[in-house]
Amino acid sequence: NFHIITGPNLSGKTLYLKQIILLSILAQIGCYVPAKNAEFRLSDRLLFHSCYYSNMGTNESSFEKEMRGLKLIIDSLTHNALIGLDEPCVSTNFQEGTSLAVSICVKILSTKAFGFCSTHHYYLTKISESFLNVTNLHFDCHPKISTSINLIYTHKLKIGASNVEYYGIAAARMSSLP
């Protein structure tokens, strides 16, 4: 009942999470779901976490806003909740972010809630070694080596953790960063 989704930037992780939440809303209110076949679990709460930015007006850092948002999700957990975590704990250093993200995922796993977590924290994929109800998924891509390294995105979700490493520079190049 918990899925950890890995893959490089621009591979579709965030879009996939938003799609799950939006399609769940459509299904639960009785609207048409644009799919050949779909099954949805009834949820009493739809909880979604996305990136937070600092707010100079309220003097809140991005880390403080993110922790408040994640606390609200944890405080609102029920066994029938649907949770989407889009790259949790990225507003602090990598080691602390990984530790916090693992703790939050383990807390969610202590319930019967259904959850999805997209992440670049590869260590999160190791949770599946301790919890049988965790599935690792990844958006497939492979490097295209020519005069410079680029990534070829397939936008296909596959079982297992991503094995693509050091993709940040390639993704930045593809975004026209000089």
N, C-alpha and C. Protein backbone atom coordinates (compact mmCIF):
# COMPACT_ATOMS: atom_id res chain seq x y z
N ASN A 1 0.81 -1.21 0.00
CA ASN A 1 0.00 0.00 0.00
C ASN A 1 0.85 1.27 0.00
N PHE A 2 2.16 1.13 -0.23
CA PHE A 2 3.03 2.32 -0.29
C PHE A 2 4.01 2.14 -1.43
N HIS A 3 4.10 3.15 -2.28
CA HIS A 3 4.92 3.07 -3.47
C HIS A 3 5.94 4.20 -3.48
N ILE A 4 7.21 3.85 -3.65
CA ILE A 4 8.28 4.83 -3.72
C ILE A 4 8.71 4.93 -5.17
N ILE A 5 8.63 6.15 -5.71
CA ILE A 5 8.89 6.37 -7.13
C ILE A 5 10.17 7.18 -7.29
N THR A 6 11.12 6.61 -8.03
CA THR A 6 12.38 7.30 -8.29
C THR A 6 12.51 7.56 -9.78
N GLY A 7 13.51 8.34 -10.12
CA GLY A 7 13.78 8.67 -11.51
C GLY A 7 14.36 10.06 -11.58
N PRO A 8 14.98 10.39 -12.69
CA PRO A 8 15.62 11.70 -12.80
C PRO A 8 14.61 12.84 -12.91
N ASN A 9 15.11 14.04 -12.75
CA ASN A 9 14.28 15.22 -12.97
C ASN A 9 13.71 15.17 -14.38
N LEU A 10 12.52 15.70 -14.54
CA LEU A 10 11.82 15.78 -15.82
C LEU A 10 11.30 14.44 -16.32
N SER A 11 11.34 13.39 -15.50
CA SER A 11 10.89 12.07 -15.97
C SER A 11 9.39 11.86 -15.80
N GLY A 12 8.72 12.66 -14.97
CA GLY A 12 7.28 12.56 -14.83
C GLY A 12 6.78 12.16 -13.46
N LYS A 13 7.64 12.16 -12.45
CA LYS A 13 7.24 11.72 -11.11
C LYS A 13 6.14 12.62 -10.53
N THR A 14 6.34 13.92 -10.58
CA THR A 14 5.37 14.86 -10.01
C THR A 14 4.05 14.78 -10.75
N LEU A 15 4.11 14.76 -12.06
CA LEU A 15 2.89 14.67 -12.86
C LEU A 15 2.12 13.40 -12.54
N TYR A 16 2.82 12.30 -12.34
CA TYR A 16 2.19 11.03 -12.00
C TYR A 16 1.46 11.12 -10.66
N LEU A 17 2.10 11.71 -9.66
CA LEU A 17 1.46 11.85 -8.35
C LEU A 17 0.21 12.72 -8.44
N LYS A 18 0.32 13.84 -9.13
CA LYS A 18 -0.85 14.73 -9.28
C LYS A 18 -1.97 14.03 -10.04
N GLN A 19 -1.61 13.23 -11.02
CA GLN A 19 -2.60 12.49 -11.79
C GLN A 19 -3.35 11.49 -10.90
N ILE A 20 -2.63 10.80 -10.04
CA ILE A 20 -3.27 9.84 -9.12
C ILE A 20 -4.29 10.56 -8.23
N ILE A 21 -3.89 11.67 -7.65
CA ILE A 21 -4.78 12.42 -6.76
C ILE A 21 -5.99 12.94 -7.53
N LEU A 22 -5.76 13.56 -8.69
CA LEU A 22 -6.88 14.12 -9.46
C LEU A 22 -7.84 13.05 -9.96
N LEU A 23 -7.31 11.93 -10.43
CA LEU A 23 -8.19 10.85 -10.88
C LEU A 23 -8.98 10.25 -9.72
N SER A 24 -8.37 10.20 -8.55
CA SER A 24 -9.08 9.71 -7.36
C SER A 24 -10.23 10.64 -7.01
N ILE A 25 -10.00 11.93 -7.11
CA ILE A 25 -11.08 12.90 -6.85
C ILE A 25 -12.21 12.69 -7.86
N LEU A 26 -11.87 12.59 -9.14
CA LEU A 26 -12.89 12.38 -10.17
C LEU A 26 -13.70 11.12 -9.89
N ALA A 27 -13.02 10.03 -9.57
CA ALA A 27 -13.71 8.76 -9.32
C ALA A 27 -14.62 8.85 -8.11
N GLN A 28 -14.16 9.49 -7.06
CA GLN A 28 -14.94 9.54 -5.82
C GLN A 28 -16.15 10.45 -5.91
N ILE A 29 -16.12 11.43 -6.80
CA ILE A 29 -17.31 12.29 -6.95
C ILE A 29 -18.21 11.80 -8.08
N GLY A 30 -17.83 10.65 -8.67
CA GLY A 30 -18.68 10.03 -9.68
C GLY A 30 -18.50 10.54 -11.08
N CYS A 31 -17.42 11.22 -11.35
CA CYS A 31 -17.16 11.74 -12.70
C CYS A 31 -16.47 10.69 -13.57
N TYR A 32 -16.52 10.93 -14.84
CA TYR A 32 -15.84 10.08 -15.81
C TYR A 32 -14.33 10.13 -15.55
N VAL A 33 -13.71 8.96 -15.57
CA VAL A 33 -12.25 8.86 -15.44
C VAL A 33 -11.71 8.45 -16.80
N PRO A 34 -10.87 9.28 -17.40
CA PRO A 34 -10.37 8.99 -18.75
C PRO A 34 -9.35 7.85 -18.77
N ALA A 35 -9.88 6.63 -18.77
CA ALA A 35 -9.02 5.44 -18.78
C ALA A 35 -9.79 4.27 -19.36
N LYS A 36 -9.08 3.33 -19.97
CA LYS A 36 -9.73 2.12 -20.47
C LYS A 36 -10.24 1.28 -19.31
N ASN A 37 -9.47 1.25 -18.23
CA ASN A 37 -9.81 0.46 -17.05
C ASN A 37 -9.19 1.15 -15.84
N ALA A 38 -9.92 1.25 -14.75
CA ALA A 38 -9.38 1.89 -13.55
C ALA A 38 -10.04 1.32 -12.31
N GLU A 39 -9.26 1.16 -11.27
CA GLU A 39 -9.77 0.76 -9.96
C GLU A 39 -9.26 1.75 -8.94
N PHE A 40 -10.14 2.20 -8.07
CA PHE A 40 -9.77 3.18 -7.06
C PHE A 40 -10.22 2.70 -5.69
N ARG A 41 -9.42 2.97 -4.73
CA ARG A 41 -9.75 2.70 -3.34
C ARG A 41 -10.48 3.93 -2.81
N LEU A 42 -11.57 3.72 -2.09
CA LEU A 42 -12.26 4.86 -1.48
C LEU A 42 -11.40 5.44 -0.37
N SER A 43 -11.25 6.74 -0.39
CA SER A 43 -10.42 7.43 0.60
C SER A 43 -11.25 8.44 1.36
N ASP A 44 -10.99 8.54 2.65
CA ASP A 44 -11.68 9.57 3.43
C ASP A 44 -10.87 10.86 3.49
N ARG A 45 -9.61 10.80 3.08
CA ARG A 45 -8.74 11.99 3.04
C ARG A 45 -7.81 11.87 1.85
N LEU A 46 -7.61 12.96 1.15
CA LEU A 46 -6.60 13.05 0.10
C LEU A 46 -5.57 14.06 0.58
N LEU A 47 -4.38 13.59 0.86
CA LEU A 47 -3.33 14.44 1.43
C LEU A 47 -2.17 14.50 0.45
N PHE A 48 -1.77 15.72 0.08
CA PHE A 48 -0.71 15.88 -0.92
C PHE A 48 0.34 16.85 -0.42
N HIS A 49 1.59 16.46 -0.57
CA HIS A 49 2.73 17.31 -0.20
C HIS A 49 3.50 17.65 -1.47
N SER A 50 3.82 18.93 -1.61
CA SER A 50 4.62 19.37 -2.74
C SER A 50 5.69 20.32 -2.23
N CYS A 51 6.51 20.80 -3.11
CA CYS A 51 7.61 21.69 -2.71
C CYS A 51 7.08 22.97 -2.07
N TYR A 52 7.81 23.45 -1.11
CA TYR A 52 7.47 24.68 -0.42
C TYR A 52 8.57 25.71 -0.68
N TYR A 53 8.17 26.96 -0.70
CA TYR A 53 9.12 28.05 -0.90
C TYR A 53 9.06 28.98 0.30
N SER A 54 10.17 29.62 0.58
CA SER A 54 10.20 30.54 1.72
C SER A 54 9.27 31.72 1.45
N ASN A 55 8.81 32.33 2.54
CA ASN A 55 7.90 33.47 2.46
C ASN A 55 8.51 34.60 3.26
N MET A 56 9.04 35.59 2.55
CA MET A 56 9.68 36.71 3.24
C MET A 56 8.68 37.54 4.03
N GLY A 57 7.43 37.56 3.57
CA GLY A 57 6.40 38.34 4.25
C GLY A 57 6.09 37.83 5.65
N THR A 58 6.12 36.51 5.81
CA THR A 58 5.84 35.92 7.13
C THR A 58 7.10 35.44 7.81
N ASN A 59 8.24 35.64 7.17
CA ASN A 59 9.54 35.26 7.71
C ASN A 59 9.64 33.74 7.95
N GLU A 60 8.97 32.95 7.09
CA GLU A 60 9.02 31.50 7.19
C GLU A 60 10.01 30.95 6.16
N SER A 61 10.88 30.09 6.59
CA SER A 61 11.81 29.45 5.65
C SER A 61 11.08 28.33 4.92
N SER A 62 11.65 27.89 3.82
CA SER A 62 11.05 26.77 3.09
C SER A 62 11.04 25.51 3.95
N PHE A 63 12.07 25.32 4.77
CA PHE A 63 12.12 24.16 5.65
C PHE A 63 10.99 24.21 6.68
N GLU A 64 10.78 25.37 7.29
CA GLU A 64 9.71 25.50 8.28
C GLU A 64 8.35 25.24 7.65
N LYS A 65 8.11 25.79 6.46
CA LYS A 65 6.83 25.56 5.79
C LYS A 65 6.65 24.08 5.43
N GLU A 66 7.73 23.46 4.98
CA GLU A 66 7.64 22.05 4.61
C GLU A 66 7.34 21.18 5.83
N MET A 67 8.00 21.45 6.94
CA MET A 67 7.77 20.65 8.16
C MET A 67 6.35 20.85 8.68
N ARG A 68 5.83 22.07 8.60
CA ARG A 68 4.44 22.30 9.01
C ARG A 68 3.47 21.51 8.14
N GLY A 69 3.72 21.52 6.83
CA GLY A 69 2.87 20.79 5.90
C GLY A 69 2.92 19.29 6.14
N LEU A 70 4.11 18.76 6.36
CA LEU A 70 4.24 17.32 6.63
C LEU A 70 3.64 16.94 7.98
N LYS A 71 3.74 17.82 8.96
CA LYS A 71 3.10 17.57 10.26
C LYS A 71 1.59 17.50 10.10
N LEU A 72 1.04 18.39 9.29
CA LEU A 72 -0.40 18.38 9.04
C LEU A 72 -0.82 17.05 8.40
N ILE A 73 -0.02 16.56 7.47
CA ILE A 73 -0.34 15.27 6.85
C ILE A 73 -0.29 14.15 7.88
N ILE A 74 0.75 14.12 8.69
CA ILE A 74 0.88 13.08 9.72
C ILE A 74 -0.26 13.16 10.73
N ASP A 75 -0.61 14.38 11.14
CA ASP A 75 -1.71 14.55 12.10
C ASP A 75 -3.06 14.17 11.50
N SER A 76 -3.18 14.21 10.17
CA SER A 76 -4.45 13.93 9.49
C SER A 76 -4.56 12.49 8.99
N LEU A 77 -3.55 11.68 9.24
CA LEU A 77 -3.54 10.30 8.73
C LEU A 77 -4.71 9.48 9.26
N THR A 78 -5.30 8.74 8.37
CA THR A 78 -6.29 7.72 8.74
C THR A 78 -5.94 6.46 7.96
N HIS A 79 -6.56 5.36 8.31
CA HIS A 79 -6.31 4.10 7.60
C HIS A 79 -6.82 4.15 6.16
N ASN A 80 -7.75 5.06 5.87
CA ASN A 80 -8.34 5.14 4.54
C ASN A 80 -7.87 6.36 3.75
N ALA A 81 -6.78 6.97 4.17
CA ALA A 81 -6.27 8.15 3.48
C ALA A 81 -5.48 7.76 2.23
N LEU A 82 -5.46 8.66 1.27
CA LEU A 82 -4.59 8.55 0.10
C LEU A 82 -3.58 9.68 0.21
N ILE A 83 -2.30 9.33 0.18
CA ILE A 83 -1.24 10.30 0.41
C ILE A 83 -0.32 10.36 -0.79
N GLY A 84 0.01 11.56 -1.20
CA GLY A 84 1.01 11.79 -2.23
C GLY A 84 2.10 12.68 -1.67
N LEU A 85 3.31 12.19 -1.62
CA LEU A 85 4.45 12.97 -1.14
C LEU A 85 5.37 13.23 -2.33
N ASP A 86 5.44 14.46 -2.77
CA ASP A 86 6.28 14.81 -3.90
C ASP A 86 7.61 15.37 -3.39
N GLU A 87 8.62 14.55 -3.43
CA GLU A 87 9.97 14.89 -2.99
C GLU A 87 9.99 15.51 -1.59
N PRO A 88 9.60 14.73 -0.58
CA PRO A 88 9.60 15.27 0.78
C PRO A 88 11.01 15.55 1.29
N CYS A 89 11.10 16.57 2.11
CA CYS A 89 12.33 16.90 2.86
C CYS A 89 13.50 17.31 1.98
N VAL A 90 13.22 18.07 0.93
CA VAL A 90 14.30 18.56 0.07
C VAL A 90 14.78 19.95 0.50
N SER A 91 14.15 20.53 1.51
CA SER A 91 14.50 21.90 1.91
C SER A 91 15.57 21.93 2.99
N THR A 92 16.28 20.83 3.18
CA THR A 92 17.40 20.78 4.11
C THR A 92 18.51 19.96 3.47
N ASN A 93 19.60 19.75 4.19
CA ASN A 93 20.71 19.01 3.57
C ASN A 93 20.31 17.55 3.31
N PHE A 94 21.07 16.91 2.45
CA PHE A 94 20.71 15.58 1.96
C PHE A 94 20.60 14.55 3.07
N GLN A 95 21.55 14.54 4.02
CA GLN A 95 21.53 13.53 5.08
C GLN A 95 20.31 13.71 5.99
N GLU A 96 20.09 14.93 6.44
CA GLU A 96 18.93 15.18 7.31
C GLU A 96 17.63 14.98 6.55
N GLY A 97 17.60 15.40 5.29
CA GLY A 97 16.40 15.22 4.47
C GLY A 97 16.05 13.76 4.30
N THR A 98 17.07 12.95 4.06
CA THR A 98 16.84 11.51 3.92
C THR A 98 16.32 10.91 5.22
N SER A 99 16.92 11.27 6.34
CA SER A 99 16.48 10.76 7.65
C SER A 99 15.04 11.16 7.94
N LEU A 100 14.71 12.42 7.69
CA LEU A 100 13.34 12.89 7.92
C LEU A 100 12.36 12.18 7.00
N ALA A 101 12.72 12.04 5.73
CA ALA A 101 11.82 11.39 4.77
C ALA A 101 11.57 9.93 5.15
N VAL A 102 12.61 9.23 5.57
CA VAL A 102 12.45 7.84 6.01
C VAL A 102 11.50 7.78 7.20
N SER A 103 11.69 8.67 8.17
CA SER A 103 10.83 8.68 9.37
C SER A 103 9.38 8.94 9.01
N ILE A 104 9.15 9.87 8.09
CA ILE A 104 7.78 10.19 7.69
C ILE A 104 7.16 9.00 6.96
N CYS A 105 7.90 8.38 6.07
CA CYS A 105 7.38 7.21 5.36
C CYS A 105 7.07 6.06 6.31
N VAL A 106 7.94 5.83 7.28
CA VAL A 106 7.70 4.77 8.27
C VAL A 106 6.45 5.09 9.08
N LYS A 107 6.24 6.34 9.43
CA LYS A 107 5.03 6.74 10.17
C LYS A 107 3.78 6.43 9.34
N ILE A 108 3.82 6.77 8.05
CA ILE A 108 2.68 6.48 7.17
C ILE A 108 2.48 4.98 7.07
N LEU A 109 3.56 4.22 7.01
CA LEU A 109 3.47 2.77 6.92
C LEU A 109 2.90 2.12 8.18
N SER A 110 2.88 2.87 9.29
CA SER A 110 2.29 2.33 10.52
C SER A 110 0.76 2.34 10.46
N THR A 111 0.21 2.94 9.41
CA THR A 111 -1.23 2.93 9.19
C THR A 111 -1.52 2.06 7.97
N LYS A 112 -2.78 1.95 7.63
CA LYS A 112 -3.16 1.24 6.41
C LYS A 112 -3.41 2.20 5.26
N ALA A 113 -2.97 3.44 5.43
CA ALA A 113 -3.15 4.44 4.38
C ALA A 113 -2.44 3.99 3.10
N PHE A 114 -2.93 4.48 1.98
CA PHE A 114 -2.35 4.16 0.68
C PHE A 114 -1.51 5.34 0.26
N GLY A 115 -0.24 5.13 -0.03
CA GLY A 115 0.64 6.26 -0.28
C GLY A 115 1.57 6.10 -1.46
N PHE A 116 1.94 7.25 -2.01
CA PHE A 116 2.92 7.34 -3.09
C PHE A 116 3.93 8.40 -2.69
N CYS A 117 5.19 8.13 -2.91
CA CYS A 117 6.26 9.07 -2.56
C CYS A 117 7.26 9.14 -3.71
N SER A 118 7.38 10.31 -4.33
CA SER A 118 8.43 10.49 -5.33
C SER A 118 9.65 11.06 -4.63
N THR A 119 10.83 10.62 -5.04
CA THR A 119 12.02 11.05 -4.31
C THR A 119 13.29 10.92 -5.14
N HIS A 120 14.28 11.71 -4.74
CA HIS A 120 15.66 11.55 -5.22
C HIS A 120 16.50 10.95 -4.10
N HIS A 121 15.91 10.78 -2.92
CA HIS A 121 16.61 10.16 -1.79
C HIS A 121 16.62 8.65 -2.04
N TYR A 122 17.66 8.17 -2.69
CA TYR A 122 17.72 6.76 -3.07
C TYR A 122 17.60 5.83 -1.87
N TYR A 123 18.04 6.29 -0.71
CA TYR A 123 17.98 5.46 0.49
C TYR A 123 16.54 5.07 0.84
N LEU A 124 15.58 5.88 0.46
CA LEU A 124 14.18 5.55 0.74
C LEU A 124 13.77 4.23 0.09
N THR A 125 14.40 3.88 -1.02
CA THR A 125 14.04 2.61 -1.66
C THR A 125 14.41 1.41 -0.80
N LYS A 126 15.29 1.61 0.16
CA LYS A 126 15.70 0.52 1.06
C LYS A 126 14.60 0.17 2.07
N ILE A 127 13.60 1.05 2.22
CA ILE A 127 12.49 0.77 3.14
C ILE A 127 11.81 -0.54 2.76
N SER A 128 11.80 -0.85 1.46
CA SER A 128 11.13 -2.07 1.01
C SER A 128 11.78 -3.33 1.56
N GLU A 129 13.01 -3.22 2.04
CA GLU A 129 13.68 -4.38 2.64
C GLU A 129 13.14 -4.69 4.04
N SER A 130 12.53 -3.69 4.68
CA SER A 130 11.98 -3.87 6.03
C SER A 130 10.46 -3.98 6.05
N PHE A 131 9.81 -3.48 5.01
CA PHE A 131 8.35 -3.49 4.95
C PHE A 131 7.91 -4.20 3.67
N LEU A 132 7.13 -5.25 3.82
CA LEU A 132 6.69 -6.03 2.66
C LEU A 132 5.64 -5.31 1.83
N ASN A 133 5.00 -4.28 2.40
CA ASN A 133 3.95 -3.58 1.68
C ASN A 133 4.46 -2.35 0.94
N VAL A 134 5.77 -2.28 0.68
CA VAL A 134 6.38 -1.17 -0.05
C VAL A 134 6.84 -1.67 -1.42
N THR A 135 6.49 -0.92 -2.45
CA THR A 135 6.90 -1.22 -3.81
C THR A 135 7.79 -0.10 -4.32
N ASN A 136 8.90 -0.45 -4.92
CA ASN A 136 9.76 0.53 -5.58
C ASN A 136 9.42 0.57 -7.06
N LEU A 137 9.21 1.78 -7.56
CA LEU A 137 8.92 2.00 -8.97
C LEU A 137 9.86 3.07 -9.49
N HIS A 138 10.05 3.12 -10.79
CA HIS A 138 10.86 4.20 -11.37
C HIS A 138 10.38 4.53 -12.78
N PHE A 139 10.61 5.77 -13.15
CA PHE A 139 10.36 6.19 -14.53
C PHE A 139 11.64 5.94 -15.31
N ASP A 140 11.52 5.12 -16.32
CA ASP A 140 12.67 4.66 -17.08
C ASP A 140 13.24 5.77 -17.96
N CYS A 141 14.53 5.81 -18.04
CA CYS A 141 15.24 6.66 -18.99
C CYS A 141 16.64 6.08 -19.15
N HIS A 142 17.31 6.49 -20.18
CA HIS A 142 18.68 6.03 -20.37
C HIS A 142 19.49 7.14 -21.01
N PRO A 143 20.79 7.13 -20.77
CA PRO A 143 21.62 8.21 -21.29
C PRO A 143 21.82 8.09 -22.80
N LYS A 144 21.84 9.23 -23.44
CA LYS A 144 22.18 9.31 -24.86
C LYS A 144 23.51 10.02 -24.92
N ILE A 145 24.52 9.31 -25.32
CA ILE A 145 25.86 9.89 -25.34
C ILE A 145 26.20 10.30 -26.77
N SER A 146 26.37 11.59 -26.94
CA SER A 146 26.80 12.13 -28.23
C SER A 146 27.93 13.10 -27.91
N THR A 147 27.81 14.33 -28.34
CA THR A 147 28.83 15.31 -27.97
C THR A 147 28.70 15.69 -26.51
N SER A 148 27.52 15.53 -25.96
CA SER A 148 27.30 15.75 -24.53
C SER A 148 26.29 14.71 -24.05
N ILE A 149 26.27 14.49 -22.76
CA ILE A 149 25.36 13.49 -22.21
C ILE A 149 23.96 14.08 -22.08
N ASN A 150 23.00 13.42 -22.66
CA ASN A 150 21.59 13.78 -22.52
C ASN A 150 20.85 12.54 -22.04
N LEU A 151 19.62 12.74 -21.63
CA LEU A 151 18.80 11.61 -21.21
C LEU A 151 17.67 11.42 -22.20
N ILE A 152 17.35 10.18 -22.46
CA ILE A 152 16.19 9.86 -23.28
C ILE A 152 15.13 9.33 -22.32
N TYR A 153 14.02 10.06 -22.23
CA TYR A 153 12.93 9.69 -21.32
C TYR A 153 11.93 8.81 -22.05
N THR A 154 11.59 7.70 -21.44
CA THR A 154 10.57 6.83 -22.02
C THR A 154 9.20 7.12 -21.42
N HIS A 155 9.16 7.75 -20.26
CA HIS A 155 7.93 8.05 -19.51
C HIS A 155 7.14 6.78 -19.21
N LYS A 156 7.86 5.68 -19.04
CA LYS A 156 7.24 4.40 -18.68
C LYS A 156 7.59 4.08 -17.24
N LEU A 157 6.56 3.75 -16.48
CA LEU A 157 6.75 3.38 -15.08
C LEU A 157 7.11 1.90 -15.01
N LYS A 158 8.21 1.60 -14.34
CA LYS A 158 8.68 0.22 -14.25
C LYS A 158 8.91 -0.16 -12.79
N ILE A 159 8.90 -1.45 -12.53
CA ILE A 159 9.12 -1.95 -11.18
C ILE A 159 10.61 -1.88 -10.84
N GLY A 160 10.90 -1.52 -9.59
CA GLY A 160 12.27 -1.42 -9.11
C GLY A 160 12.71 0.02 -8.99
N ALA A 161 13.81 0.22 -8.30
CA ALA A 161 14.36 1.56 -8.14
C ALA A 161 15.15 1.96 -9.38
N SER A 162 15.24 3.24 -9.63
CA SER A 162 15.99 3.75 -10.77
C SER A 162 17.47 3.43 -10.61
N ASN A 163 18.11 3.08 -11.71
CA ASN A 163 19.54 2.83 -11.66
C ASN A 163 20.34 3.93 -12.37
N VAL A 164 19.66 5.00 -12.78
CA VAL A 164 20.33 6.12 -13.44
C VAL A 164 20.96 7.00 -12.37
N GLU A 165 22.24 7.27 -12.52
CA GLU A 165 22.96 8.10 -11.54
C GLU A 165 23.52 9.34 -12.23
N TYR A 166 23.79 10.35 -11.44
CA TYR A 166 24.45 11.58 -11.91
C TYR A 166 23.73 12.20 -13.10
N TYR A 167 22.43 12.34 -12.96
CA TYR A 167 21.63 12.84 -14.06
C TYR A 167 21.33 14.34 -13.95
N GLY A 168 21.72 14.96 -12.86
CA GLY A 168 21.41 16.37 -12.65
C GLY A 168 21.97 17.28 -13.72
N ILE A 169 23.22 17.07 -14.10
CA ILE A 169 23.85 17.90 -15.12
C ILE A 169 23.17 17.70 -16.47
N ALA A 170 22.88 16.44 -16.80
CA ALA A 170 22.20 16.16 -18.07
C ALA A 170 20.82 16.79 -18.11
N ALA A 171 20.08 16.70 -17.01
CA ALA A 171 18.74 17.30 -16.95
C ALA A 171 18.84 18.82 -17.05
N ALA A 172 19.83 19.41 -16.41
CA ALA A 172 20.01 20.86 -16.50
C ALA A 172 20.35 21.28 -17.92
N ARG A 173 21.20 20.50 -18.60
CA ARG A 173 21.54 20.80 -19.99
C ARG A 173 20.30 20.75 -20.87
N MET A 174 19.45 19.77 -20.62
CA MET A 174 18.23 19.64 -21.42
C MET A 174 17.25 20.77 -21.16
N SER A 175 17.41 21.45 -20.03
CA SER A 175 16.56 22.59 -19.69
C SER A 175 17.15 23.90 -20.20
N SER A 176 18.15 23.80 -21.05
CA SER A 176 18.81 24.95 -21.67
C SER A 176 19.63 25.77 -20.70
N LEU A 177 20.03 25.20 -19.58
CA LEU A 177 20.91 25.90 -18.67
C LEU A 177 22.29 25.96 -19.31
N PRO A 178 22.89 27.14 -19.37
CA PRO A 178 24.20 27.24 -20.04
C PRO A 178 25.29 26.49 -19.30
